Amino acid sequence: MIETDRPHLFSGSAVFVSSDMSRTWRGSSLPSSAWSRLPAYRAHVLAYAADVARHAPKARGVFLGYDFHLGSNAKSIPQLIEINTNAGAAC
């Protein structure tokens, strides 16, 4: 069973968010997929990247995830701190 074989894949606690908070998260993460495809943005980022970053894969990604942190109170605005584009969770 996966919970026994890989206990580190699951959090020991649950976090419940309101529908409003969920909409806020979606609103802040969706634009990143749009601006990351802009030619000017890509040219700027790739100017500093290694050659391997210029590879254009056929698939856009596996297990794409957005990592948000909440502030110290329930009214705080979630902050997008990381966009994960790897399949590390599949191990």
PDB file of N, CA and C in Angstrom:
ATOM      1  N   MET A   1       0.850  -1.181   0.000  1.00  0.00           N
ATOM      2  CA  MET A   1       0.000   0.000   0.000  1.00  0.00           C
ATOM      3  C   MET A   1       0.894   1.243   0.000  1.00  0.00           C
ATOM      4  N   ILE A   2       0.538   2.229  -0.763  1.00  0.00           N
ATOM      5  CA  ILE A   2       1.408   3.402  -0.943  1.00  0.00           C
ATOM      6  C   ILE A   2       1.642   4.163   0.364  1.00  0.00           C
ATOM      7  N   GLU A   3       0.651   4.227   1.233  1.00  0.00           N
ATOM      8  CA  GLU A   3       0.841   4.940   2.502  1.00  0.00           C
ATOM      9  C   GLU A   3       1.918   4.283   3.366  1.00  0.00           C
ATOM     10  N   THR A   4       2.035   2.968   3.272  1.00  0.00           N
ATOM     11  CA  THR A   4       3.040   2.230   4.036  1.00  0.00           C
ATOM     12  C   THR A   4       4.403   2.292   3.368  1.00  0.00           C
ATOM     13  N   ASP A   5       4.410   2.116   2.038  1.00  0.00           N
ATOM     14  CA  ASP A   5       5.666   2.108   1.288  1.00  0.00           C
ATOM     15  C   ASP A   5       6.325   3.478   1.201  1.00  0.00           C
ATOM     16  N   ARG A   6       5.522   4.520   1.170  1.00  0.00           N
ATOM     17  CA  ARG A   6       6.055   5.887   1.004  1.00  0.00           C
ATOM     18  C   ARG A   6       5.337   6.868   1.938  1.00  0.00           C
ATOM     19  N   PRO A   7       5.528   6.722   3.225  1.00  0.00           N
ATOM     20  CA  PRO A   7       4.805   7.574   4.175  1.00  0.00           C
ATOM     21  C   PRO A   7       5.144   9.056   4.045  1.00  0.00           C
ATOM     22  N   HIS A   8       6.314   9.385   3.502  1.00  0.00           N
ATOM     23  CA  HIS A   8       6.725  10.781   3.363  1.00  0.00           C
ATOM     24  C   HIS A   8       5.942  11.532   2.280  1.00  0.00           C
ATOM     25  N   LEU A   9       5.155  10.822   1.473  1.00  0.00           N
ATOM     26  CA  LEU A   9       4.401  11.480   0.402  1.00  0.00           C
ATOM     27  C   LEU A   9       3.152  12.190   0.909  1.00  0.00           C
ATOM     28  N   PHE A  10       2.771  11.909   2.126  1.00  0.00           N
ATOM     29  CA  PHE A  10       1.522  12.459   2.635  1.00  0.00           C
ATOM     30  C   PHE A  10       1.767  13.285   3.896  1.00  0.00           C
ATOM     31  N   SER A  11       1.110  14.391   3.985  1.00  0.00           N
ATOM     32  CA  SER A  11       1.241  15.267   5.141  1.00  0.00           C
ATOM     33  C   SER A  11       0.559  14.644   6.355  1.00  0.00           C
ATOM     34  N   GLY A  12       1.070  14.969   7.501  1.00  0.00           N
ATOM     35  CA  GLY A  12       0.462  14.506   8.745  1.00  0.00           C
ATOM     36  C   GLY A  12      -0.710  15.361   9.172  1.00  0.00           C
ATOM     37  N   SER A  13      -0.970  16.430   8.446  1.00  0.00           N
ATOM     38  CA  SER A  13      -2.082  17.307   8.791  1.00  0.00           C
ATOM     39  C   SER A  13      -2.773  17.788   7.519  1.00  0.00           C
ATOM     40  N   ALA A  14      -4.002  18.219   7.687  1.00  0.00           N
ATOM     41  CA  ALA A  14      -4.789  18.721   6.559  1.00  0.00           C
ATOM     42  C   ALA A  14      -5.006  20.223   6.719  1.00  0.00           C
ATOM     43  N   VAL A  15      -5.102  20.900   5.599  1.00  0.00           N
ATOM     44  CA  VAL A  15      -5.408  22.331   5.599  1.00  0.00           C
ATOM     45  C   VAL A  15      -6.654  22.521   4.741  1.00  0.00           C
ATOM     46  N   PHE A  16      -7.655  23.155   5.299  1.00  0.00           N
ATOM     47  CA  PHE A  16      -8.888  23.402   4.575  1.00  0.00           C
ATOM     48  C   PHE A  16      -8.958  24.885   4.234  1.00  0.00           C
ATOM     49  N   VAL A  17      -9.324  25.186   3.013  1.00  0.00           N
ATOM     50  CA  VAL A  17      -9.417  26.576   2.577  1.00  0.00           C
ATOM     51  C   VAL A  17     -10.819  26.850   2.049  1.00  0.00           C
ATOM     52  N   SER A  18     -11.210  28.097   2.114  1.00  0.00           N
ATOM     53  CA  SER A  18     -12.533  28.494   1.637  1.00  0.00           C
ATOM     54  C   SER A  18     -12.547  28.562   0.105  1.00  0.00           C
ATOM     55  N   SER A  19     -13.720  28.620  -0.458  1.00  0.00           N
ATOM     56  CA  SER A  19     -13.866  28.772  -1.917  1.00  0.00           C
ATOM     57  C   SER A  19     -13.232  30.074  -2.382  1.00  0.00           C
ATOM     58  N   ASP A  20     -13.363  31.133  -1.586  1.00  0.00           N
ATOM     59  CA  ASP A  20     -12.759  32.423  -1.944  1.00  0.00           C
ATOM     60  C   ASP A  20     -11.239  32.318  -2.011  1.00  0.00           C
ATOM     61  N   MET A  21     -10.635  31.633  -1.040  1.00  0.00           N
ATOM     62  CA  MET A  21      -9.190  31.474  -1.019  1.00  0.00           C
ATOM     63  C   MET A  21      -8.739  30.632  -2.221  1.00  0.00           C
ATOM     64  N   SER A  22      -9.483  29.608  -2.528  1.00  0.00           N
ATOM     65  CA  SER A  22      -9.146  28.763  -3.682  1.00  0.00           C
ATOM     66  C   SER A  22      -9.190  29.563  -4.981  1.00  0.00           C
ATOM     67  N   ARG A  23     -10.176  30.418  -5.125  1.00  0.00           N
ATOM     68  CA  ARG A  23     -10.259  31.277  -6.322  1.00  0.00           C
ATOM     69  C   ARG A  23      -9.078  32.247  -6.385  1.00  0.00           C
ATOM     70  N   THR A  24      -8.674  32.771  -5.229  1.00  0.00           N
ATOM     71  CA  THR A  24      -7.520  33.670  -5.190  1.00  0.00           C
ATOM     72  C   THR A  24      -6.272  32.941  -5.658  1.00  0.00           C
ATOM     73  N   TRP A  25      -6.065  31.722  -5.205  1.00  0.00           N
ATOM     74  CA  TRP A  25      -4.901  30.941  -5.616  1.00  0.00           C
ATOM     75  C   TRP A  25      -4.916  30.680  -7.111  1.00  0.00           C
ATOM     76  N   ARG A  26      -6.062  30.268  -7.622  1.00  0.00           N
ATOM     77  CA  ARG A  26      -6.147  30.020  -9.064  1.00  0.00           C
ATOM     78  C   ARG A  26      -5.875  31.288  -9.853  1.00  0.00           C
ATOM     79  N   GLY A  27      -6.369  32.407  -9.354  1.00  0.00           N
ATOM     80  CA  GLY A  27      -6.156  33.675 -10.046  1.00  0.00           C
ATOM     81  C   GLY A  27      -4.703  34.108 -10.068  1.00  0.00           C
ATOM     82  N   SER A  28      -3.940  33.726  -9.047  1.00  0.00           N
ATOM     83  CA  SER A  28      -2.537  34.134  -9.015  1.00  0.00           C
ATOM     84  C   SER A  28      -1.627  33.149  -9.736  1.00  0.00           C
ATOM     85  N   SER A  29      -2.062  31.907  -9.910  1.00  0.00           N
ATOM     86  CA  SER A  29      -1.195  30.929 -10.564  1.00  0.00           C
ATOM     87  C   SER A  29      -1.426  30.839 -12.065  1.00  0.00           C
ATOM     88  N   LEU A  30      -2.628  31.006 -12.524  1.00  0.00           N
ATOM     89  CA  LEU A  30      -2.902  30.876 -13.957  1.00  0.00           C
ATOM     90  C   LEU A  30      -2.129  31.864 -14.822  1.00  0.00           C
ATOM     91  N   PRO A  31      -1.974  33.125 -14.415  1.00  0.00           N
ATOM     92  CA  PRO A  31      -1.212  34.048 -15.271  1.00  0.00           C
ATOM     93  C   PRO A  31       0.233  33.615 -15.505  1.00  0.00           C
ATOM     94  N   SER A  32       0.830  32.867 -14.563  1.00  0.00           N
ATOM     95  CA  SER A  32       2.224  32.467 -14.744  1.00  0.00           C
ATOM     96  C   SER A  32       2.396  31.583 -15.962  1.00  0.00           C
ATOM     97  N   SER A  33       1.397  30.776 -16.266  1.00  0.00           N
ATOM     98  CA  SER A  33       1.507  29.930 -17.444  1.00  0.00           C
ATOM     99  C   SER A  33       1.397  30.763 -18.719  1.00  0.00           C
ATOM    100  N   ALA A  34       0.746  31.896 -18.633  1.00  0.00           N
ATOM    101  CA  ALA A  34       0.622  32.778 -19.802  1.00  0.00           C
ATOM    102  C   ALA A  34       1.896  33.594 -20.022  1.00  0.00           C
ATOM    103  N   TRP A  35       2.414  34.241 -18.963  1.00  0.00           N
ATOM    104  CA  TRP A  35       3.606  35.088 -19.172  1.00  0.00           C
ATOM    105  C   TRP A  35       4.846  34.271 -19.441  1.00  0.00           C
ATOM    106  N   SER A  36       4.863  33.012 -18.998  1.00  0.00           N
ATOM    107  CA  SER A  36       6.047  32.186 -19.246  1.00  0.00           C
ATOM    108  C   SER A  36       6.184  31.809 -20.724  1.00  0.00           C
ATOM    109  N   ARG A  37       5.120  31.990 -21.495  1.00  0.00           N
ATOM    110  CA  ARG A  37       5.181  31.708 -22.941  1.00  0.00           C
ATOM    111  C   ARG A  37       5.442  32.963 -23.786  1.00  0.00           C
ATOM    112  N   LEU A  38       5.510  34.117 -23.165  1.00  0.00           N
ATOM    113  CA  LEU A  38       5.758  35.350 -23.919  1.00  0.00           C
ATOM    114  C   LEU A  38       7.182  35.349 -24.478  1.00  0.00           C
ATOM    115  N   PRO A  39       7.357  35.670 -25.756  1.00  0.00           N
ATOM    116  CA  PRO A  39       8.696  35.658 -26.366  1.00  0.00           C
ATOM    117  C   PRO A  39       9.717  36.531 -25.626  1.00  0.00           C
ATOM    118  N   ALA A  40       9.329  37.716 -25.187  1.00  0.00           N
ATOM    119  CA  ALA A  40      10.267  38.605 -24.502  1.00  0.00           C
ATOM    120  C   ALA A  40      10.708  38.011 -23.165  1.00  0.00           C
ATOM    121  N   TYR A  41       9.775  37.431 -22.440  1.00  0.00           N
ATOM    122  CA  TYR A  41      10.115  36.792 -21.160  1.00  0.00           C
ATOM    123  C   TYR A  41      11.065  35.623 -21.393  1.00  0.00           C
ATOM    124  N   ARG A  42      10.736  34.753 -22.347  1.00  0.00           N
ATOM    125  CA  ARG A  42      11.567  33.584 -22.632  1.00  0.00           C
ATOM    126  C   ARG A  42      12.975  34.002 -23.053  1.00  0.00           C
ATOM    127  N   ALA A  43      13.084  35.031 -23.903  1.00  0.00           N
ATOM    128  CA  ALA A  43      14.399  35.495 -24.352  1.00  0.00           C
ATOM    129  C   ALA A  43      15.226  36.006 -23.171  1.00  0.00           C
ATOM    130  N   HIS A  44      14.584  36.754 -22.279  1.00  0.00           N
ATOM    131  CA  HIS A  44      15.288  37.289 -21.112  1.00  0.00           C
ATOM    132  C   HIS A  44      15.785  36.161 -20.208  1.00  0.00           C
ATOM    133  N   VAL A  45      14.912  35.215 -19.891  1.00  0.00           N
ATOM    134  CA  VAL A  45      15.278  34.116 -18.998  1.00  0.00           C
ATOM    135  C   VAL A  45      16.331  33.217 -19.636  1.00  0.00           C
ATOM    136  N   LEU A  46      16.151  32.880 -20.897  1.00  0.00           N
ATOM    137  CA  LEU A  46      17.081  31.970 -21.559  1.00  0.00           C
ATOM    138  C   LEU A  46      18.461  32.592 -21.777  1.00  0.00           C
ATOM    139  N   ALA A  47      18.542  33.909 -21.747  1.00  0.00           N
ATOM    140  CA  ALA A  47      19.845  34.569 -21.888  1.00  0.00           C
ATOM    141  C   ALA A  47      20.776  34.197 -20.733  1.00  0.00           C
ATOM    142  N   TYR A  48      20.204  33.830 -19.579  1.00  0.00           N
ATOM    143  CA  TYR A  48      20.988  33.471 -18.402  1.00  0.00           C
ATOM    144  C   TYR A  48      21.026  31.962 -18.151  1.00  0.00           C
ATOM    145  N   ALA A  49      20.326  31.199 -18.965  1.00  0.00           N
ATOM    146  CA  ALA A  49      20.167  29.764 -18.716  1.00  0.00           C
ATOM    147  C   ALA A  49      21.218  28.925 -19.430  1.00  0.00           C
ATOM    148  N   ALA A  50      21.404  27.725 -18.923  1.00  0.00           N
ATOM    149  CA  ALA A  50      22.307  26.768 -19.565  1.00  0.00           C
ATOM    150  C   ALA A  50      21.682  26.283 -20.873  1.00  0.00           C
ATOM    151  N   ASP A  51      22.515  25.758 -21.745  1.00  0.00           N
ATOM    152  CA  ASP A  51      22.027  25.278 -23.043  1.00  0.00           C
ATOM    153  C   ASP A  51      20.907  24.262 -22.918  1.00  0.00           C
ATOM    154  N   VAL A  52      20.952  23.405 -21.919  1.00  0.00           N
ATOM    155  CA  VAL A  52      19.931  22.374 -21.757  1.00  0.00           C
ATOM    156  C   VAL A  52      18.535  22.983 -21.554  1.00  0.00           C
ATOM    157  N   ALA A  53      18.464  24.201 -21.052  1.00  0.00           N
ATOM    158  CA  ALA A  53      17.177  24.864 -20.830  1.00  0.00           C
ATOM    159  C   ALA A  53      16.507  25.276 -22.136  1.00  0.00           C
ATOM    160  N   ARG A  54      17.234  25.276 -23.207  1.00  0.00           N
ATOM    161  CA  ARG A  54      16.671  25.669 -24.500  1.00  0.00           C
ATOM    162  C   ARG A  54      15.961  24.509 -25.201  1.00  0.00           C
ATOM    163  N   HIS A  55      16.057  23.315 -24.636  1.00  0.00           N
ATOM    164  CA  HIS A  55      15.377  22.151 -25.197  1.00  0.00           C
ATOM    165  C   HIS A  55      13.868  22.368 -25.114  1.00  0.00           C
ATOM    166  N   ALA A  56      13.171  22.128 -26.198  1.00  0.00           N
ATOM    167  CA  ALA A  56      11.714  22.283 -26.225  1.00  0.00           C
ATOM    168  C   ALA A  56      11.058  20.903 -26.188  1.00  0.00           C
ATOM    169  N   PRO A  57      10.668  20.434 -25.009  1.00  0.00           N
ATOM    170  CA  PRO A  57      10.052  19.113 -24.921  1.00  0.00           C
ATOM    171  C   PRO A  57       8.660  19.098 -25.548  1.00  0.00           C
ATOM    172  N   LYS A  58       8.224  17.928 -25.933  1.00  0.00           N
ATOM    173  CA  LYS A  58       6.890  17.803 -26.529  1.00  0.00           C
ATOM    174  C   LYS A  58       5.801  17.964 -25.482  1.00  0.00           C
ATOM    175  N   ALA A  59       6.058  17.481 -24.270  1.00  0.00           N
ATOM    176  CA  ALA A  59       5.087  17.618 -23.181  1.00  0.00           C
ATOM    177  C   ALA A  59       5.400  18.883 -22.389  1.00  0.00           C
ATOM    178  N   ARG A  60       4.374  19.554 -21.891  1.00  0.00           N
ATOM    179  CA  ARG A  60       4.583  20.799 -21.148  1.00  0.00           C
ATOM    180  C   ARG A  60       5.060  20.564 -19.727  1.00  0.00           C
ATOM    181  N   GLY A  61       4.834  19.397 -19.181  1.00  0.00           N
ATOM    182  CA  GLY A  61       5.293  19.118 -17.831  1.00  0.00           C
ATOM    183  C   GLY A  61       4.557  17.950 -17.217  1.00  0.00           C
ATOM    184  N   VAL A  62       5.079  17.486 -16.097  1.00  0.00           N
ATOM    185  CA  VAL A  62       4.473  16.394 -15.354  1.00  0.00           C
ATOM    186  C   VAL A  62       4.344  16.850 -13.912  1.00  0.00           C
ATOM    187  N   PHE A  63       3.202  16.631 -13.320  1.00  0.00           N
ATOM    188  CA  PHE A  63       2.976  17.007 -11.935  1.00  0.00           C
ATOM    189  C   PHE A  63       3.240  18.489 -11.684  1.00  0.00           C
ATOM    190  N   LEU A  64       2.770  19.334 -12.559  1.00  0.00           N
ATOM    191  CA  LEU A  64       2.926  20.771 -12.368  1.00  0.00           C
ATOM    192  C   LEU A  64       2.198  21.175 -11.091  1.00  0.00           C
ATOM    193  N   GLY A  65       2.879  21.888 -10.234  1.00  0.00           N
ATOM    194  CA  GLY A  65       2.264  22.288  -8.979  1.00  0.00           C
ATOM    195  C   GLY A  65       2.679  23.681  -8.564  1.00  0.00           C
ATOM    196  N   TYR A  66       1.789  24.343  -7.857  1.00  0.00           N
ATOM    197  CA  TYR A  66       2.037  25.684  -7.345  1.00  0.00           C
ATOM    198  C   TYR A  66       2.116  25.604  -5.830  1.00  0.00           C
ATOM    199  N   ASP A  67       3.154  26.159  -5.238  1.00  0.00           N
ATOM    200  CA  ASP A  67       3.379  26.106  -3.804  1.00  0.00           C
ATOM    201  C   ASP A  67       3.045  27.467  -3.201  1.00  0.00           C
ATOM    202  N   PHE A  68       2.010  27.489  -2.389  1.00  0.00           N
ATOM    203  CA  PHE A  68       1.576  28.717  -1.730  1.00  0.00           C
ATOM    204  C   PHE A  68       1.875  28.646  -0.238  1.00  0.00           C
ATOM    205  N   HIS A  69       2.169  29.778   0.340  1.00  0.00           N
ATOM    206  CA  HIS A  69       2.276  29.890   1.793  1.00  0.00           C
ATOM    207  C   HIS A  69       1.229  30.883   2.267  1.00  0.00           C
ATOM    208  N   LEU A  70       0.682  30.591   3.424  1.00  0.00           N
ATOM    209  CA  LEU A  70      -0.298  31.482   4.027  1.00  0.00           C
ATOM    210  C   LEU A  70       0.378  32.332   5.080  1.00  0.00           C
ATOM    211  N   GLY A  71      -0.199  33.487   5.322  1.00  0.00           N
ATOM    212  CA  GLY A  71       0.325  34.355   6.374  1.00  0.00           C
ATOM    213  C   GLY A  71      -0.105  33.862   7.744  1.00  0.00           C
ATOM    214  N   SER A  72       0.064  34.697   8.745  1.00  0.00           N
ATOM    215  CA  SER A  72      -0.191  34.289  10.123  1.00  0.00           C
ATOM    216  C   SER A  72      -1.663  34.325  10.517  1.00  0.00           C
ATOM    217  N   ASN A  73      -2.528  34.892   9.674  1.00  0.00           N
ATOM    218  CA  ASN A  73      -3.944  34.905  10.037  1.00  0.00           C
ATOM    219  C   ASN A  73      -4.815  34.472   8.851  1.00  0.00           C
ATOM    220  N   ALA A  74      -6.051  34.164   9.138  1.00  0.00           N
ATOM    221  CA  ALA A  74      -6.964  33.618   8.128  1.00  0.00           C
ATOM    222  C   ALA A  74      -7.279  34.610   7.011  1.00  0.00           C
ATOM    223  N   LYS A  75      -7.099  35.885   7.255  1.00  0.00           N
ATOM    224  CA  LYS A  75      -7.413  36.910   6.255  1.00  0.00           C
ATOM    225  C   LYS A  75      -6.225  37.224   5.347  1.00  0.00           C
ATOM    226  N   SER A  76      -5.080  36.618   5.585  1.00  0.00           N
ATOM    227  CA  SER A  76      -3.890  36.943   4.801  1.00  0.00           C
ATOM    228  C   SER A  76      -4.026  36.429   3.374  1.00  0.00           C
ATOM    229  N   ILE A  77      -3.378  37.107   2.475  1.00  0.00           N
ATOM    230  CA  ILE A  77      -3.391  36.735   1.068  1.00  0.00           C
ATOM    231  C   ILE A  77      -2.350  35.641   0.845  1.00  0.00           C
ATOM    232  N   PRO A  78      -2.738  34.548   0.187  1.00  0.00           N
ATOM    233  CA  PRO A  78      -1.747  33.502  -0.074  1.00  0.00           C
ATOM    234  C   PRO A  78      -0.647  34.023  -0.991  1.00  0.00           C
ATOM    235  N   GLN A  79       0.575  33.573  -0.746  1.00  0.00           N
ATOM    236  CA  GLN A  79       1.716  34.019  -1.540  1.00  0.00           C
ATOM    237  C   GLN A  79       2.268  32.849  -2.336  1.00  0.00           C
ATOM    238  N   LEU A  80       2.337  33.020  -3.648  1.00  0.00           N
ATOM    239  CA  LEU A  80       2.928  32.009  -4.508  1.00  0.00           C
ATOM    240  C   LEU A  80       4.436  32.082  -4.319  1.00  0.00           C
ATOM    241  N   ILE A  81       5.037  30.991  -3.812  1.00  0.00           N
ATOM    242  CA  ILE A  81       6.473  31.030  -3.538  1.00  0.00           C
ATOM    243  C   ILE A  81       7.283  30.160  -4.488  1.00  0.00           C
ATOM    244  N   GLU A  82       6.612  29.228  -5.179  1.00  0.00           N
ATOM    245  CA  GLU A  82       7.367  28.316  -6.035  1.00  0.00           C
ATOM    246  C   GLU A  82       6.439  27.652  -7.042  1.00  0.00           C
ATOM    247  N   ILE A  83       6.937  27.466  -8.248  1.00  0.00           N
ATOM    248  CA  ILE A  83       6.228  26.690  -9.261  1.00  0.00           C
ATOM    249  C   ILE A  83       7.073  25.446  -9.529  1.00  0.00           C
ATOM    250  N   ASN A  84       6.510  24.293  -9.225  1.00  0.00           N
ATOM    251  CA  ASN A  84       7.222  23.035  -9.395  1.00  0.00           C
ATOM    252  C   ASN A  84       6.832  22.399 -10.730  1.00  0.00           C
ATOM    253  N   THR A  85       7.824  22.041 -11.497  1.00  0.00           N
ATOM    254  CA  THR A  85       7.575  21.434 -12.818  1.00  0.00           C
ATOM    255  C   THR A  85       8.253  20.088 -12.946  1.00  0.00           C
ATOM    256  N   ASN A  86       8.483  19.435 -11.826  1.00  0.00           N
ATOM    257  CA  ASN A  86       9.166  18.143 -11.895  1.00  0.00           C
ATOM    258  C   ASN A  86       8.249  17.018 -11.464  1.00  0.00           C
ATOM    259  N   ALA A  87       8.691  15.814 -11.711  1.00  0.00           N
ATOM    260  CA  ALA A  87       7.913  14.635 -11.352  1.00  0.00           C
ATOM    261  C   ALA A  87       8.476  13.973 -10.102  1.00  0.00           C
ATOM    262  N   GLY A  88       9.046  14.730  -9.207  1.00  0.00           N
ATOM    263  CA  GLY A  88       9.660  14.178  -8.020  1.00  0.00           C
ATOM    264  C   GLY A  88       8.698  13.421  -7.128  1.00  0.00           C
ATOM    265  N   ALA A  89       7.434  13.776  -7.145  1.00  0.00           N
ATOM    266  CA  ALA A  89       6.452  13.098  -6.299  1.00  0.00           C
ATOM    267  C   ALA A  89       6.166  11.680  -6.758  1.00  0.00           C
ATOM    268  N   ALA A  90       6.591  11.314  -7.950  1.00  0.00           N
ATOM    269  CA  ALA A  90       6.301   9.989  -8.476  1.00  0.00           C
ATOM    270  C   ALA A  90       7.251   8.924  -7.937  1.00  0.00           C
ATOM    271  N   CYS A  91       8.312   9.336  -7.264  1.00  0.00           N
ATOM    272  CA  CYS A  91       9.305   8.369  -6.780  1.00  0.00           C
ATOM    273  C   CYS A  91       8.749   7.482  -5.691  1.00  0.00           C
TER     274      CYS A  91
END
